[in-house]
């Protein structure tokens, strides 16, 4: 004969674990979504840093004083009066 109490406890235990599993799956989805957003943000930041590096290098090249004996084709600025 089937014990109704044990069957009921078994069903309750199964439902408890099912709810826990659903909660964990939702949490995992949230973590994956957050990771996707952070990876996109990291890619944008890397692109921005790369552009900034190019700009800094260009400015540095323009402001660098020529070395003694160095021939440059850059125009000299007018003297300050």
C-alpha atoms as a PDB file:
ATOM      1  CA  UNK A   1       0.000   0.000   0.000  1.00  0.00           C
ATOM      2  CA  UNK A   2       1.198   3.528  -0.846  1.00  0.00           C
ATOM      3  CA  UNK A   3       1.928   5.824   2.047  1.00  0.00           C
ATOM      4  CA  UNK A   4       0.221   9.135   1.199  1.00  0.00           C
ATOM      5  CA  UNK A   5       2.409  11.134   3.586  1.00  0.00           C
ATOM      6  CA  UNK A   6       5.636   9.917   2.016  1.00  0.00           C
ATOM      7  CA  UNK A   7       4.318  10.632  -1.484  1.00  0.00           C
ATOM      8  CA  UNK A   8       3.251  14.119  -0.399  1.00  0.00           C
ATOM      9  CA  UNK A   9       6.664  14.775   1.178  1.00  0.00           C
ATOM     10  CA  UNK A  10       8.357  13.569  -1.970  1.00  0.00           C
ATOM     11  CA  UNK A  11       6.265  15.900  -4.133  1.00  0.00           C
ATOM     12  CA  UNK A  12       6.948  18.822  -1.794  1.00  0.00           C
ATOM     13  CA  UNK A  13      10.682  18.105  -1.861  1.00  0.00           C
ATOM     14  CA  UNK A  14      10.622  17.932  -5.669  1.00  0.00           C
ATOM     15  CA  UNK A  15       8.757  21.253  -5.856  1.00  0.00           C
ATOM     16  CA  UNK A  16      11.200  22.856  -3.442  1.00  0.00           C
ATOM     17  CA  UNK A  17      14.143  21.795  -5.602  1.00  0.00           C
ATOM     18  CA  UNK A  18      12.357  22.892  -8.770  1.00  0.00           C
ATOM     19  CA  UNK A  19      11.855  26.386  -7.319  1.00  0.00           C
ATOM     20  CA  UNK A  20      15.504  26.538  -6.281  1.00  0.00           C
ATOM     21  CA  UNK A  21      16.560  25.479  -9.754  1.00  0.00           C
ATOM     22  CA  UNK A  22      14.344  28.116 -11.385  1.00  0.00           C
ATOM     23  CA  UNK A  23      15.813  30.781  -9.099  1.00  0.00           C
ATOM     24  CA  UNK A  24      19.345  29.692  -9.956  1.00  0.00           C
ATOM     25  CA  UNK A  25      18.557  29.725 -13.673  1.00  0.00           C
ATOM     26  CA  UNK A  26      17.162  33.268 -13.435  1.00  0.00           C
ATOM     27  CA  UNK A  27      20.246  34.357 -11.502  1.00  0.00           C
ATOM     28  CA  UNK A  28      22.480  32.793 -14.125  1.00  0.00           C
ATOM     29  CA  UNK A  29      20.597  34.618 -16.892  1.00  0.00           C
ATOM     30  CA  UNK A  30      21.056  37.904 -15.021  1.00  0.00           C
ATOM     31  CA  UNK A  31      24.773  37.262 -14.558  1.00  0.00           C
ATOM     32  CA  UNK A  32      25.161  36.407 -18.253  1.00  0.00           C
ATOM     33  CA  UNK A  33      23.335  39.599 -19.248  1.00  0.00           C
ATOM     34  CA  UNK A  34      25.488  41.687 -16.923  1.00  0.00           C
ATOM     35  CA  UNK A  35      28.618  40.050 -18.328  1.00  0.00           C
ATOM     36  CA  UNK A  36      27.455  40.793 -21.893  1.00  0.00           C
ATOM     37  CA  UNK A  37      26.909  44.465 -21.001  1.00  0.00           C
ATOM     38  CA  UNK A  38      30.292  44.707 -19.248  1.00  0.00           C
ATOM     39  CA  UNK A  39      32.091  43.092 -22.186  1.00  0.00           C
ATOM     40  CA  UNK A  40      30.458  45.596 -24.556  1.00  0.00           C
ATOM     41  CA  UNK A  41      31.497  48.433 -22.236  1.00  0.00           C
ATOM     42  CA  UNK A  42      35.061  47.062 -22.136  1.00  0.00           C
ATOM     43  CA  UNK A  43      35.184  46.961 -25.956  1.00  0.00           C
ATOM     44  CA  UNK A  44      33.985  50.587 -26.139  1.00  0.00           C
ATOM     45  CA  UNK A  45      36.553  51.628 -23.526  1.00  0.00           C
ATOM     46  CA  UNK A  46      39.360  49.882 -25.409  1.00  0.00           C
ATOM     47  CA  UNK A  47      38.355  51.658 -28.642  1.00  0.00           C
ATOM     48  CA  UNK A  48      38.244  54.988 -26.849  1.00  0.00           C
ATOM     49  CA  UNK A  49      41.681  54.392 -25.303  1.00  0.00           C
ATOM     50  CA  UNK A  50      43.071  53.459 -28.701  1.00  0.00           C
ATOM     51  CA  UNK A  51      41.723  56.699 -30.213  1.00  0.00           C
ATOM     52  CA  UNK A  52      43.090  58.675 -27.292  1.00  0.00           C
ATOM     53  CA  UNK A  53      46.502  57.026 -27.713  1.00  0.00           C
ATOM     54  CA  UNK A  54      46.574  58.068 -31.376  1.00  0.00           C
ATOM     55  CA  UNK A  55      45.637  61.629 -30.426  1.00  0.00           C
ATOM     56  CA  UNK A  56      48.247  61.824 -27.681  1.00  0.00           C
ATOM     57  CA  UNK A  57      50.923  60.477 -30.003  1.00  0.00           C
ATOM     58  CA  UNK A  58      49.983  63.027 -32.658  1.00  0.00           C
ATOM     59  CA  UNK A  59      50.087  65.906 -30.178  1.00  0.00           C
ATOM     60  CA  UNK A  60      53.361  64.633 -28.771  1.00  0.00           C
ATOM     61  CA  UNK A  61      54.875  64.511 -32.252  1.00  0.00           C
ATOM     62  CA  UNK A  62      53.765  68.097 -32.927  1.00  0.00           C
ATOM     63  CA  UNK A  63      55.128  69.487 -29.661  1.00  0.00           C
ATOM     64  CA  UNK A  64      58.397  67.578 -29.626  1.00  0.00           C
ATOM     65  CA  UNK A  65      61.391  69.852 -30.124  1.00  0.00           C
ATOM     66  CA  UNK A  66      63.623  68.744 -32.985  1.00  0.00           C
ATOM     67  CA  UNK A  67      66.867  67.157 -31.942  1.00  0.00           C
ATOM     68  CA  UNK A  68      70.094  69.060 -32.723  1.00  0.00           C
ATOM     69  CA  UNK A  69      70.977  68.522 -36.373  1.00  0.00           C
ATOM     70  CA  UNK A  70      67.565  67.052 -37.149  1.00  0.00           C
ATOM     71  CA  UNK A  71      66.005  68.170 -40.402  1.00  0.00           C
ATOM     72  CA  UNK A  72      62.273  68.677 -40.257  1.00  0.00           C
ATOM     73  CA  UNK A  73      59.749  69.811 -42.781  1.00  0.00           C
ATOM     74  CA  UNK A  74      57.511  71.294 -40.137  1.00  0.00           C
ATOM     75  CA  UNK A  75      57.142  75.074 -40.269  1.00  0.00           C
ATOM     76  CA  UNK A  76      58.660  77.006 -37.428  1.00  0.00           C
ATOM     77  CA  UNK A  77      56.410  79.200 -35.348  1.00  0.00           C
ATOM     78  CA  UNK A  78      56.836  82.933 -35.489  1.00  0.00           C
ATOM     79  CA  UNK A  79      59.010  84.358 -32.701  1.00  0.00           C
ATOM     80  CA  UNK A  80      57.190  85.943 -29.770  1.00  0.00           C
ATOM     81  CA  UNK A  81      57.652  89.745 -29.656  1.00  0.00           C
END
